[in-house]
Each structure stands twice: as C-alpha cells, then as structure tokens.
Amino acid sequence: MKIIKDTKNELEIEITGETHSLCNALRRALMEDKNVESAAYVIAHPIVGEPNLYIKGKNPRKSLEKAAKTLQKRSDEFKSILEASLEE
C-alpha cells in the first residue's frame, strides 16, 4: 500500500496487487459510514494498473480502518456459514 494523498479530510492510496474485488467491497463498506462523504477507486490500466482508492470525509484514515474491520467480520461470517453448510 502506498499513500498518494493524506490530508485532514482526504485520503488517496494505491493498493498494490489488488483488483476490483477488494476495492469495490471497500468502497461499499466506506459508503455505509455516515462520516464518509465520498469513496471511489480507479484502475488506470486493466492489465497492469494498480487500484487507487480515494476517500473524502471527516476522518478518512479512521473510516478506512473501520471499513477493513467490517469486511473482515463479514468474511469471517461468510466462512462460518460456508463451513457449516459443507458439514451438513
């Protein structure tokens, strides 16, 4: 991860080695946060480009951390449901 821009109300990071899957999930989780004004990402080149995630809000770093924890919790819940269904 590389920080491109970091101000009080804006954060832009490059997420090395990731694709639309993680970025779209992060963007969605960020937009659920009432302190986030906007969240978006772009991948400049579909084959060799790295995604840049942009967040604007009250405290973008805190919102990103919250979104990451939300995704981790949801992934753990999904894993538990999947494992339970495979045991049946």
C-alpha atoms as a PDB file:
ATOM      1  CA  MET A   1       0.000   0.000   0.000  1.00  0.00           C
ATOM      2  CA  LYS A   2       1.278   3.431  -0.921  1.00  0.00           C
ATOM      3  CA  ILE A   3      -0.159   6.732   0.298  1.00  0.00           C
ATOM      4  CA  ILE A   4      -0.701   9.178  -2.554  1.00  0.00           C
ATOM      5  CA  LYS A   5      -2.514  11.949  -0.668  1.00  0.00           C
ATOM      6  CA  ASP A   6      -3.200  12.339   3.038  1.00  0.00           C
ATOM      7  CA  THR A   7      -4.927  15.443   4.364  1.00  0.00           C
ATOM      8  CA  LYS A   8      -7.415  16.038   7.179  1.00  0.00           C
ATOM      9  CA  ASN A   9     -10.438  15.227   5.017  1.00  0.00           C
ATOM     10  CA  GLU A  10      -8.982  13.291   2.072  1.00  0.00           C
ATOM     11  CA  LEU A  11      -7.014  10.100   1.655  1.00  0.00           C
ATOM     12  CA  GLU A  12      -5.819   8.514  -1.567  1.00  0.00           C
ATOM     13  CA  ILE A  13      -3.914   5.240  -1.531  1.00  0.00           C
ATOM     14  CA  GLU A  14      -2.562   2.814  -4.087  1.00  0.00           C
ATOM     15  CA  ILE A  15      -3.422  -0.768  -3.173  1.00  0.00           C
ATOM     16  CA  THR A  16      -0.698  -2.895  -4.723  1.00  0.00           C
ATOM     17  CA  GLY A  17      -1.624  -6.330  -6.008  1.00  0.00           C
ATOM     18  CA  GLU A  18      -5.388  -5.999  -5.602  1.00  0.00           C
ATOM     19  CA  THR A  19      -8.278  -5.915  -8.053  1.00  0.00           C
ATOM     20  CA  HIS A  20     -11.868  -4.781  -8.309  1.00  0.00           C
ATOM     21  CA  SER A  21     -12.952  -7.425  -5.794  1.00  0.00           C
ATOM     22  CA  LEU A  22     -11.332  -5.858  -2.738  1.00  0.00           C
ATOM     23  CA  CYS A  23     -11.642  -2.266  -3.912  1.00  0.00           C
ATOM     24  CA  ASN A  24     -15.348  -2.476  -4.652  1.00  0.00           C
ATOM     25  CA  ALA A  25     -16.012  -4.168  -1.299  1.00  0.00           C
ATOM     26  CA  LEU A  26     -14.005  -1.467   0.493  1.00  0.00           C
ATOM     27  CA  ARG A  27     -15.787   1.301  -1.388  1.00  0.00           C
ATOM     28  CA  ARG A  28     -19.161  -0.129  -0.459  1.00  0.00           C
ATOM     29  CA  ALA A  29     -18.233  -0.518   3.227  1.00  0.00           C
ATOM     30  CA  LEU A  30     -16.862   3.022   3.250  1.00  0.00           C
ATOM     31  CA  MET A  31     -20.099   4.424   1.830  1.00  0.00           C
ATOM     32  CA  GLU A  32     -22.012   2.809   4.717  1.00  0.00           C
ATOM     33  CA  ASP A  33     -20.082   5.093   7.095  1.00  0.00           C
ATOM     34  CA  LYS A  34     -22.004   8.324   7.786  1.00  0.00           C
ATOM     35  CA  ASN A  35     -18.673  10.161   8.188  1.00  0.00           C
ATOM     36  CA  VAL A  36     -17.649   9.396   4.592  1.00  0.00           C
ATOM     37  CA  GLU A  37     -18.680  11.977   2.027  1.00  0.00           C
ATOM     38  CA  SER A  38     -17.402  10.017  -0.961  1.00  0.00           C
ATOM     39  CA  ALA A  39     -15.371   6.925  -1.752  1.00  0.00           C
ATOM     40  CA  ALA A  40     -14.233   5.719  -5.144  1.00  0.00           C
ATOM     41  CA  TYR A  41     -11.449   3.813  -6.821  1.00  0.00           C
ATOM     42  CA  VAL A  42      -9.891   3.692 -10.254  1.00  0.00           C
ATOM     43  CA  ILE A  43      -7.618   1.238 -12.010  1.00  0.00           C
ATOM     44  CA  ALA A  44      -5.867   3.172 -14.776  1.00  0.00           C
ATOM     45  CA  HIS A  45      -4.968   0.129 -16.860  1.00  0.00           C
ATOM     46  CA  PRO A  46      -6.972  -3.120 -16.702  1.00  0.00           C
ATOM     47  CA  ILE A  47      -3.950  -5.413 -17.009  1.00  0.00           C
ATOM     48  CA  VAL A  48      -1.010  -3.669 -15.354  1.00  0.00           C
ATOM     49  CA  GLY A  49      -2.677  -0.885 -13.361  1.00  0.00           C
ATOM     50  CA  GLU A  50      -2.815  -0.759  -9.585  1.00  0.00           C
ATOM     51  CA  PRO A  51      -6.019   0.476  -7.963  1.00  0.00           C
ATOM     52  CA  ASN A  52      -6.115   3.907  -6.359  1.00  0.00           C
ATOM     53  CA  LEU A  53      -8.732   4.300  -3.622  1.00  0.00           C
ATOM     54  CA  TYR A  54      -9.967   7.800  -2.786  1.00  0.00           C
ATOM     55  CA  ILE A  55     -11.843   8.692   0.413  1.00  0.00           C
ATOM     56  CA  LYS A  56     -13.269  12.045   1.433  1.00  0.00           C
ATOM     57  CA  GLY A  57     -14.838  12.566   4.849  1.00  0.00           C
ATOM     58  CA  LYS A  58     -14.386  13.630   8.467  1.00  0.00           C
ATOM     59  CA  ASN A  59     -11.533  11.217   9.196  1.00  0.00           C
ATOM     60  CA  PRO A  60     -10.685   9.092   6.144  1.00  0.00           C
ATOM     61  CA  ARG A  61      -7.991   7.007   7.880  1.00  0.00           C
ATOM     62  CA  LYS A  62     -10.359   6.042  10.684  1.00  0.00           C
ATOM     63  CA  SER A  63     -13.109   5.288   8.169  1.00  0.00           C
ATOM     64  CA  LEU A  64     -10.760   3.057   6.143  1.00  0.00           C
ATOM     65  CA  GLU A  65      -9.790   1.139   9.275  1.00  0.00           C
ATOM     66  CA  LYS A  66     -13.467   0.727  10.194  1.00  0.00           C
ATOM     67  CA  ALA A  67     -14.307  -0.483   6.663  1.00  0.00           C
ATOM     68  CA  ALA A  68     -11.453  -3.011   6.740  1.00  0.00           C
ATOM     69  CA  LYS A  69     -12.687  -4.385  10.068  1.00  0.00           C
ATOM     70  CA  THR A  70     -16.237  -4.583   8.682  1.00  0.00           C
ATOM     71  CA  LEU A  71     -15.022  -6.577   5.673  1.00  0.00           C
ATOM     72  CA  GLN A  72     -13.018  -8.900   7.906  1.00  0.00           C
ATOM     73  CA  LYS A  73     -16.078  -9.532  10.086  1.00  0.00           C
ATOM     74  CA  ARG A  74     -18.284 -10.187   7.056  1.00  0.00           C
ATOM     75  CA  SER A  75     -15.689 -12.548   5.572  1.00  0.00           C
ATOM     76  CA  ASP A  76     -15.458 -14.479   8.837  1.00  0.00           C
ATOM     77  CA  GLU A  77     -19.265 -14.750   8.979  1.00  0.00           C
ATOM     78  CA  PHE A  78     -19.395 -15.964   5.383  1.00  0.00           C
ATOM     79  CA  LYS A  79     -16.662 -18.507   6.056  1.00  0.00           C
ATOM     80  CA  SER A  80     -18.568 -19.846   9.082  1.00  0.00           C
ATOM     81  CA  ILE A  81     -21.790 -20.169   7.103  1.00  0.00           C
ATOM     82  CA  LEU A  82     -19.986 -21.905   4.251  1.00  0.00           C
ATOM     83  CA  GLU A  83     -18.168 -24.326   6.534  1.00  0.00           C
ATOM     84  CA  ALA A  84     -21.407 -25.153   8.362  1.00  0.00           C
ATOM     85  CA  SER A  85     -23.207 -25.854   5.104  1.00  0.00           C
ATOM     86  CA  LEU A  86     -20.398 -28.123   3.898  1.00  0.00           C
ATOM     87  CA  GLU A  87     -20.587 -30.181   7.103  1.00  0.00           C
ATOM     88  CA  GLU A  88     -24.249 -30.998   6.545  1.00  0.00           C
END
